[in-house]
Amino acid sequence: MKSPNPADSRTVEAVSDDRDVQAREGIRQFNEAAMAASRNQDAAAKASLWTENTRFLPPGREMMTGRDAVQEFWQSGFDRGVYDLVLESVEITSLGDGIAYEIGRSVTRIRTADGSSIDVHGNSLCTFRRESDGVWRADVDIFNVA
């Protein structure tokens, strides 16, 4: 029986580290773009960050499927006063080449009719896919209000 080659182990570890770095960077870029789209109240730009056939599970709603549904959801939020979103990654784990998940926290800022602001805190679990264009997009996204 052949004994394991330590060099092979380092190669596997290097590939794993590279995947983790790629996932963290891709999800960081997703979060930055999602926050910018929220501040710009651009539902189309925001929805472009999800896969075409995404499954989207917002609090208190049935599962939505597809990028168009995501766009309608965010446009509805902007229409009701959402003006800012802060996303924070708590944990990002690569599950293999081009697949990762993120556990995160969020603060959604909503402007009320009297001009004051409400901060709504939440938690999330999202799986991401790196698509053929190299962009990491949300594929299955569930979040709540904490």
N, C-alpha and C. Protein backbone atom coordinates (compact mmCIF):
# COMPACT_ATOMS: atom_id res chain seq x y z
N MET A 1 0.85 -1.18 0.00
CA MET A 1 0.00 0.00 0.00
C MET A 1 0.89 1.24 0.00
N LYS A 2 0.54 2.16 -0.86
CA LYS A 2 1.32 3.38 -0.99
C LYS A 2 0.95 4.35 0.12
N SER A 3 1.98 4.94 0.76
CA SER A 3 1.70 5.92 1.82
C SER A 3 1.39 7.28 1.20
N PRO A 4 0.56 8.07 1.90
CA PRO A 4 0.18 9.38 1.37
C PRO A 4 1.40 10.26 1.17
N ASN A 5 1.39 11.03 0.13
CA ASN A 5 2.46 11.95 -0.18
C ASN A 5 2.13 13.30 0.46
N PRO A 6 2.98 13.79 1.37
CA PRO A 6 2.69 15.08 2.02
C PRO A 6 2.54 16.22 1.02
N ALA A 7 3.23 16.15 -0.09
CA ALA A 7 3.11 17.21 -1.10
C ALA A 7 1.69 17.24 -1.67
N ASP A 8 1.07 16.05 -1.84
CA ASP A 8 -0.31 15.99 -2.32
C ASP A 8 -1.24 16.68 -1.34
N SER A 9 -1.03 16.51 -0.05
CA SER A 9 -1.87 17.15 0.97
C SER A 9 -1.77 18.66 0.88
N ARG A 10 -0.55 19.17 0.68
CA ARG A 10 -0.38 20.62 0.57
C ARG A 10 -1.10 21.14 -0.67
N THR A 11 -1.09 20.37 -1.74
CA THR A 11 -1.77 20.78 -2.96
C THR A 11 -3.28 20.88 -2.72
N VAL A 12 -3.84 19.89 -2.06
CA VAL A 12 -5.27 19.90 -1.75
C VAL A 12 -5.59 21.09 -0.85
N GLU A 13 -4.73 21.33 0.15
CA GLU A 13 -4.95 22.47 1.04
C GLU A 13 -4.86 23.79 0.28
N ALA A 14 -3.91 23.90 -0.64
CA ALA A 14 -3.76 25.14 -1.43
C ALA A 14 -4.99 25.38 -2.28
N VAL A 15 -5.53 24.33 -2.91
CA VAL A 15 -6.74 24.46 -3.72
C VAL A 15 -7.90 24.88 -2.84
N SER A 16 -8.01 24.26 -1.66
CA SER A 16 -9.08 24.61 -0.72
C SER A 16 -8.96 26.06 -0.27
N ASP A 17 -7.73 26.49 0.06
CA ASP A 17 -7.52 27.88 0.48
C ASP A 17 -7.89 28.84 -0.64
N ASP A 18 -7.50 28.50 -1.88
CA ASP A 18 -7.81 29.34 -3.03
C ASP A 18 -9.32 29.46 -3.21
N ARG A 19 -10.04 28.35 -3.06
CA ARG A 19 -11.50 28.38 -3.18
C ARG A 19 -12.11 29.26 -2.10
N ASP A 20 -11.59 29.16 -0.88
CA ASP A 20 -12.10 29.99 0.21
C ASP A 20 -11.87 31.47 -0.07
N VAL A 21 -10.69 31.82 -0.57
CA VAL A 21 -10.37 33.21 -0.89
C VAL A 21 -11.30 33.71 -2.00
N GLN A 22 -11.49 32.90 -3.04
CA GLN A 22 -12.37 33.29 -4.14
C GLN A 22 -13.80 33.50 -3.64
N ALA A 23 -14.28 32.60 -2.80
CA ALA A 23 -15.64 32.72 -2.27
C ALA A 23 -15.78 33.98 -1.42
N ARG A 24 -14.83 34.21 -0.52
CA ARG A 24 -14.90 35.41 0.34
C ARG A 24 -14.89 36.68 -0.50
N GLU A 25 -14.03 36.74 -1.52
CA GLU A 25 -13.95 37.94 -2.36
C GLU A 25 -15.23 38.10 -3.19
N GLY A 26 -15.73 37.02 -3.76
CA GLY A 26 -16.96 37.10 -4.55
C GLY A 26 -18.16 37.54 -3.74
N ILE A 27 -18.27 37.03 -2.52
CA ILE A 27 -19.39 37.39 -1.66
C ILE A 27 -19.22 38.81 -1.12
N ARG A 28 -17.98 39.22 -0.87
CA ARG A 28 -17.74 40.62 -0.48
C ARG A 28 -18.21 41.55 -1.60
N GLN A 29 -17.88 41.21 -2.83
CA GLN A 29 -18.31 42.03 -3.97
C GLN A 29 -19.83 42.04 -4.09
N PHE A 30 -20.47 40.88 -3.89
CA PHE A 30 -21.93 40.82 -3.88
C PHE A 30 -22.50 41.80 -2.85
N ASN A 31 -21.99 41.72 -1.62
CA ASN A 31 -22.51 42.57 -0.55
C ASN A 31 -22.32 44.05 -0.87
N GLU A 32 -21.15 44.42 -1.37
CA GLU A 32 -20.90 45.82 -1.74
C GLU A 32 -21.89 46.28 -2.81
N ALA A 33 -22.09 45.46 -3.83
CA ALA A 33 -23.01 45.83 -4.92
C ALA A 33 -24.45 45.88 -4.44
N ALA A 34 -24.84 44.96 -3.55
CA ALA A 34 -26.21 44.96 -3.02
C ALA A 34 -26.47 46.20 -2.18
N MET A 35 -25.49 46.60 -1.37
CA MET A 35 -25.65 47.80 -0.56
C MET A 35 -25.72 49.04 -1.44
N ALA A 36 -24.87 49.12 -2.47
CA ALA A 36 -24.89 50.27 -3.38
C ALA A 36 -26.23 50.35 -4.12
N ALA A 37 -26.73 49.21 -4.61
CA ALA A 37 -28.02 49.21 -5.32
C ALA A 37 -29.15 49.65 -4.40
N SER A 38 -29.07 49.28 -3.13
CA SER A 38 -30.09 49.71 -2.17
C SER A 38 -30.04 51.22 -1.97
N ARG A 39 -28.84 51.74 -1.81
CA ARG A 39 -28.70 53.19 -1.61
C ARG A 39 -29.16 53.97 -2.84
N ASN A 40 -28.98 53.36 -4.02
CA ASN A 40 -29.43 53.99 -5.28
C ASN A 40 -30.88 53.67 -5.61
N GLN A 41 -31.50 52.83 -4.79
CA GLN A 41 -32.87 52.37 -5.00
C GLN A 41 -33.05 51.81 -6.41
N ASP A 42 -32.12 50.97 -6.81
CA ASP A 42 -32.10 50.38 -8.14
C ASP A 42 -32.43 48.89 -8.04
N ALA A 43 -33.71 48.58 -8.12
CA ALA A 43 -34.15 47.19 -7.95
C ALA A 43 -33.63 46.28 -9.06
N ALA A 44 -33.51 46.78 -10.27
CA ALA A 44 -33.00 45.96 -11.37
C ALA A 44 -31.53 45.59 -11.15
N ALA A 45 -30.72 46.57 -10.74
CA ALA A 45 -29.31 46.29 -10.46
C ALA A 45 -29.19 45.31 -9.30
N LYS A 46 -30.03 45.49 -8.30
CA LYS A 46 -29.98 44.61 -7.14
C LYS A 46 -30.37 43.18 -7.54
N ALA A 47 -31.43 43.04 -8.31
CA ALA A 47 -31.89 41.70 -8.72
C ALA A 47 -30.86 41.00 -9.60
N SER A 48 -30.04 41.75 -10.32
CA SER A 48 -29.03 41.13 -11.18
C SER A 48 -27.97 40.38 -10.38
N LEU A 49 -27.96 40.57 -9.08
CA LEU A 49 -27.01 39.90 -8.20
C LEU A 49 -27.45 38.50 -7.80
N TRP A 50 -28.67 38.12 -8.17
CA TRP A 50 -29.21 36.78 -7.89
C TRP A 50 -29.17 35.97 -9.18
N THR A 51 -29.12 34.65 -9.06
CA THR A 51 -29.13 33.80 -10.25
C THR A 51 -30.49 33.90 -10.93
N GLU A 52 -30.53 33.56 -12.20
CA GLU A 52 -31.77 33.66 -12.98
C GLU A 52 -32.90 32.85 -12.36
N ASN A 53 -32.58 31.68 -11.81
CA ASN A 53 -33.59 30.80 -11.23
C ASN A 53 -33.51 30.73 -9.71
N THR A 54 -33.10 31.81 -9.11
CA THR A 54 -32.91 31.86 -7.66
C THR A 54 -34.17 31.43 -6.91
N ARG A 55 -33.97 30.95 -5.70
CA ARG A 55 -35.05 30.73 -4.74
C ARG A 55 -34.82 31.74 -3.63
N PHE A 56 -35.83 32.55 -3.37
CA PHE A 56 -35.73 33.72 -2.50
C PHE A 56 -36.80 33.56 -1.43
N LEU A 57 -36.38 33.54 -0.17
CA LEU A 57 -37.30 33.27 0.93
C LEU A 57 -37.28 34.40 1.95
N PRO A 58 -38.01 35.49 1.67
CA PRO A 58 -38.06 36.61 2.61
C PRO A 58 -38.98 36.28 3.79
N PRO A 59 -38.83 37.02 4.88
CA PRO A 59 -39.65 36.73 6.06
C PRO A 59 -41.14 36.93 5.80
N GLY A 60 -41.94 35.98 6.30
CA GLY A 60 -43.39 36.10 6.24
C GLY A 60 -44.00 35.92 4.87
N ARG A 61 -43.24 35.39 3.93
CA ARG A 61 -43.74 35.23 2.56
C ARG A 61 -43.47 33.82 2.07
N GLU A 62 -44.20 33.44 1.04
CA GLU A 62 -43.92 32.18 0.36
C GLU A 62 -42.61 32.32 -0.41
N MET A 63 -42.01 31.20 -0.74
CA MET A 63 -40.80 31.22 -1.54
C MET A 63 -41.09 31.86 -2.90
N MET A 64 -40.18 32.72 -3.32
CA MET A 64 -40.26 33.34 -4.65
C MET A 64 -39.18 32.69 -5.51
N THR A 65 -39.46 32.57 -6.79
CA THR A 65 -38.51 31.96 -7.70
C THR A 65 -38.22 32.90 -8.85
N GLY A 66 -36.94 33.09 -9.13
CA GLY A 66 -36.53 33.86 -10.29
C GLY A 66 -36.14 35.29 -9.98
N ARG A 67 -35.29 35.80 -10.84
CA ARG A 67 -34.75 37.15 -10.70
C ARG A 67 -35.84 38.21 -10.77
N ASP A 68 -36.86 38.01 -11.61
CA ASP A 68 -37.94 39.00 -11.71
C ASP A 68 -38.67 39.16 -10.38
N ALA A 69 -38.88 38.05 -9.67
CA ALA A 69 -39.55 38.10 -8.37
C ALA A 69 -38.69 38.87 -7.36
N VAL A 70 -37.38 38.67 -7.43
CA VAL A 70 -36.47 39.40 -6.53
C VAL A 70 -36.55 40.90 -6.82
N GLN A 71 -36.58 41.25 -8.09
CA GLN A 71 -36.68 42.66 -8.45
C GLN A 71 -37.98 43.27 -7.94
N GLU A 72 -39.09 42.57 -8.09
CA GLU A 72 -40.37 43.07 -7.59
C GLU A 72 -40.34 43.25 -6.07
N PHE A 73 -39.73 42.29 -5.37
CA PHE A 73 -39.63 42.37 -3.92
C PHE A 73 -38.87 43.63 -3.50
N TRP A 74 -37.69 43.86 -4.10
CA TRP A 74 -36.89 45.01 -3.70
C TRP A 74 -37.55 46.32 -4.13
N GLN A 75 -38.18 46.35 -5.30
CA GLN A 75 -38.86 47.57 -5.72
C GLN A 75 -39.98 47.92 -4.74
N SER A 76 -40.70 46.91 -4.30
CA SER A 76 -41.75 47.11 -3.31
C SER A 76 -41.18 47.70 -2.01
N GLY A 77 -40.02 47.19 -1.60
CA GLY A 77 -39.37 47.72 -0.40
C GLY A 77 -38.97 49.18 -0.58
N PHE A 78 -38.38 49.51 -1.73
CA PHE A 78 -38.00 50.90 -1.99
C PHE A 78 -39.23 51.80 -1.99
N ASP A 79 -40.32 51.30 -2.59
CA ASP A 79 -41.56 52.07 -2.63
C ASP A 79 -42.13 52.31 -1.23
N ARG A 80 -41.83 51.42 -0.29
CA ARG A 80 -42.32 51.56 1.09
C ARG A 80 -41.34 52.28 2.00
N GLY A 81 -40.22 52.78 1.45
CA GLY A 81 -39.33 53.60 2.26
C GLY A 81 -37.95 53.03 2.54
N VAL A 82 -37.65 51.82 2.08
CA VAL A 82 -36.30 51.28 2.29
C VAL A 82 -35.33 52.18 1.53
N TYR A 83 -34.31 52.66 2.24
CA TYR A 83 -33.35 53.55 1.59
C TYR A 83 -31.90 53.13 1.81
N ASP A 84 -31.66 52.14 2.66
CA ASP A 84 -30.29 51.73 2.92
C ASP A 84 -30.28 50.30 3.43
N LEU A 85 -29.18 49.63 3.16
CA LEU A 85 -28.99 48.25 3.62
C LEU A 85 -27.53 48.09 3.99
N VAL A 86 -27.28 47.52 5.16
CA VAL A 86 -25.93 47.21 5.60
C VAL A 86 -25.85 45.70 5.77
N LEU A 87 -24.90 45.07 5.07
CA LEU A 87 -24.70 43.64 5.14
C LEU A 87 -23.36 43.33 5.79
N GLU A 88 -23.35 42.33 6.66
CA GLU A 88 -22.13 41.90 7.32
C GLU A 88 -22.04 40.38 7.24
N SER A 89 -20.93 39.89 6.72
CA SER A 89 -20.69 38.45 6.70
C SER A 89 -20.19 38.00 8.06
N VAL A 90 -20.82 37.00 8.62
CA VAL A 90 -20.38 36.41 9.87
C VAL A 90 -19.50 35.19 9.58
N GLU A 91 -19.89 34.42 8.57
CA GLU A 91 -19.14 33.23 8.19
C GLU A 91 -19.35 33.00 6.69
N ILE A 92 -18.26 32.70 6.00
CA ILE A 92 -18.32 32.31 4.59
C ILE A 92 -17.55 31.01 4.45
N THR A 93 -18.19 30.01 3.86
CA THR A 93 -17.57 28.70 3.70
C THR A 93 -17.73 28.23 2.27
N SER A 94 -16.60 27.88 1.66
CA SER A 94 -16.63 27.29 0.31
C SER A 94 -17.04 25.83 0.44
N LEU A 95 -17.95 25.41 -0.43
CA LEU A 95 -18.40 24.02 -0.44
C LEU A 95 -17.80 23.24 -1.61
N GLY A 96 -16.98 23.90 -2.37
CA GLY A 96 -16.37 23.29 -3.55
C GLY A 96 -16.16 24.35 -4.59
N ASP A 97 -15.81 23.93 -5.76
CA ASP A 97 -15.50 24.88 -6.82
C ASP A 97 -16.76 25.63 -7.25
N GLY A 98 -16.82 26.92 -6.92
CA GLY A 98 -17.92 27.77 -7.37
C GLY A 98 -19.19 27.70 -6.56
N ILE A 99 -19.14 27.10 -5.38
CA ILE A 99 -20.32 27.02 -4.49
C ILE A 99 -19.86 27.41 -3.09
N ALA A 100 -20.63 28.28 -2.44
CA ALA A 100 -20.29 28.69 -1.07
C ALA A 100 -21.56 29.10 -0.36
N TYR A 101 -21.46 29.18 0.97
CA TYR A 101 -22.58 29.75 1.71
C TYR A 101 -22.06 30.85 2.63
N GLU A 102 -22.97 31.75 2.97
CA GLU A 102 -22.67 32.84 3.89
C GLU A 102 -23.75 32.89 4.96
N ILE A 103 -23.31 33.00 6.20
CA ILE A 103 -24.20 33.35 7.31
C ILE A 103 -23.94 34.83 7.55
N GLY A 104 -25.00 35.62 7.60
CA GLY A 104 -24.80 37.05 7.71
C GLY A 104 -25.78 37.75 8.62
N ARG A 105 -25.49 39.02 8.82
CA ARG A 105 -26.37 39.93 9.56
C ARG A 105 -26.66 41.12 8.66
N SER A 106 -27.79 41.76 8.92
CA SER A 106 -28.15 42.92 8.11
C SER A 106 -28.86 43.97 8.95
N VAL A 107 -28.81 45.18 8.44
CA VAL A 107 -29.62 46.27 8.96
C VAL A 107 -30.27 46.92 7.74
N THR A 108 -31.59 46.91 7.72
CA THR A 108 -32.35 47.58 6.66
C THR A 108 -32.90 48.87 7.26
N ARG A 109 -32.62 49.98 6.59
CA ARG A 109 -33.07 51.28 7.08
C ARG A 109 -34.27 51.72 6.26
N ILE A 110 -35.33 52.09 6.98
CA ILE A 110 -36.60 52.47 6.36
C ILE A 110 -36.99 53.87 6.81
N ARG A 111 -37.32 54.70 5.85
CA ARG A 111 -37.79 56.07 6.13
C ARG A 111 -39.30 55.99 6.33
N THR A 112 -39.78 56.53 7.44
CA THR A 112 -41.22 56.52 7.73
C THR A 112 -41.88 57.78 7.16
N ALA A 113 -43.20 57.80 7.20
CA ALA A 113 -43.97 58.92 6.65
C ALA A 113 -43.63 60.24 7.32
N ASP A 114 -43.28 60.20 8.62
CA ASP A 114 -42.96 61.44 9.33
C ASP A 114 -41.50 61.86 9.16
N GLY A 115 -40.74 61.11 8.34
CA GLY A 115 -39.35 61.46 8.06
C GLY A 115 -38.33 60.82 8.97
N SER A 116 -38.81 60.13 10.00
CA SER A 116 -37.87 59.44 10.88
C SER A 116 -37.42 58.13 10.21
N SER A 117 -36.50 57.46 10.84
CA SER A 117 -35.93 56.25 10.27
C SER A 117 -36.04 55.09 11.26
N ILE A 118 -36.31 53.92 10.73
CA ILE A 118 -36.37 52.70 11.53
C ILE A 118 -35.28 51.76 11.03
N ASP A 119 -34.51 51.19 11.96
CA ASP A 119 -33.53 50.17 11.62
C ASP A 119 -34.11 48.80 11.91
N VAL A 120 -34.16 47.94 10.90
CA VAL A 120 -34.66 46.57 11.04
C VAL A 120 -33.48 45.63 10.92
N HIS A 121 -33.19 44.92 12.00
CA HIS A 121 -32.05 44.00 12.04
C HIS A 121 -32.50 42.61 11.59
N GLY A 122 -31.59 41.89 10.94
CA GLY A 122 -31.92 40.56 10.48
C GLY A 122 -30.71 39.65 10.41
N ASN A 123 -30.99 38.39 10.16
CA ASN A 123 -29.98 37.35 9.97
C ASN A 123 -30.28 36.65 8.66
N SER A 124 -29.25 36.03 8.08
CA SER A 124 -29.47 35.38 6.79
C SER A 124 -28.58 34.16 6.62
N LEU A 125 -29.01 33.31 5.71
CA LEU A 125 -28.22 32.19 5.23
C LEU A 125 -28.42 32.17 3.73
N CYS A 126 -27.33 32.27 2.99
CA CYS A 126 -27.43 32.36 1.54
C CYS A 126 -26.40 31.44 0.90
N THR A 127 -26.83 30.69 -0.10
CA THR A 127 -25.87 29.94 -0.91
C THR A 127 -25.59 30.75 -2.17
N PHE A 128 -24.36 30.68 -2.60
CA PHE A 128 -23.89 31.43 -3.77
C PHE A 128 -23.33 30.47 -4.80
N ARG A 129 -23.44 30.88 -6.05
CA ARG A 129 -22.83 30.17 -7.18
C ARG A 129 -21.99 31.15 -7.96
N ARG A 130 -20.79 30.70 -8.33
CA ARG A 130 -20.00 31.49 -9.26
C ARG A 130 -20.43 31.08 -10.65
N GLU A 131 -21.00 32.01 -11.38
CA GLU A 131 -21.54 31.69 -12.69
C GLU A 131 -20.47 31.78 -13.77
N SER A 132 -20.84 31.43 -14.99
CA SER A 132 -19.87 31.33 -16.09
C SER A 132 -19.16 32.65 -16.38
N ASP A 133 -19.76 33.80 -15.98
CA ASP A 133 -19.11 35.09 -16.17
C ASP A 133 -18.15 35.42 -15.03
N GLY A 134 -18.00 34.49 -14.06
CA GLY A 134 -17.10 34.67 -12.93
C GLY A 134 -17.71 35.40 -11.75
N VAL A 135 -18.96 35.85 -11.88
CA VAL A 135 -19.63 36.61 -10.82
C VAL A 135 -20.31 35.64 -9.85
N TRP A 136 -20.11 35.90 -8.56
CA TRP A 136 -20.79 35.13 -7.52
C TRP A 136 -22.17 35.75 -7.33
N ARG A 137 -23.23 34.92 -7.50
CA ARG A 137 -24.60 35.39 -7.33
C ARG A 137 -25.31 34.54 -6.29
N ALA A 138 -26.26 35.18 -5.61
CA ALA A 138 -27.09 34.47 -4.62
C ALA A 138 -27.98 33.48 -5.36
N ASP A 139 -28.04 32.25 -4.87
CA ASP A 139 -28.84 31.22 -5.51
C ASP A 139 -30.04 30.81 -4.64
N VAL A 140 -29.79 30.58 -3.38
CA VAL A 140 -30.86 30.31 -2.41
C VAL A 140 -30.62 31.27 -1.25
N ASP A 141 -31.60 32.12 -1.00
CA ASP A 141 -31.42 33.20 -0.03
C ASP A 141 -32.60 33.22 0.92
N ILE A 142 -32.31 33.01 2.21
CA ILE A 142 -33.35 33.08 3.23
C ILE A 142 -32.86 34.04 4.31
N PHE A 143 -33.78 34.89 4.77
CA PHE A 143 -33.41 35.85 5.80
C PHE A 143 -34.61 36.12 6.68
N ASN A 144 -34.33 36.67 7.86
CA ASN A 144 -35.39 36.95 8.81
C ASN A 144 -35.20 38.33 9.42
N VAL A 145 -36.13 38.68 10.27
CA VAL A 145 -36.05 39.91 11.05
C VAL A 145 -35.75 39.48 12.47
N ALA A 146 -34.66 39.99 13.00
CA ALA A 146 -34.22 39.56 14.35
C ALA A 146 -34.89 40.38 15.43
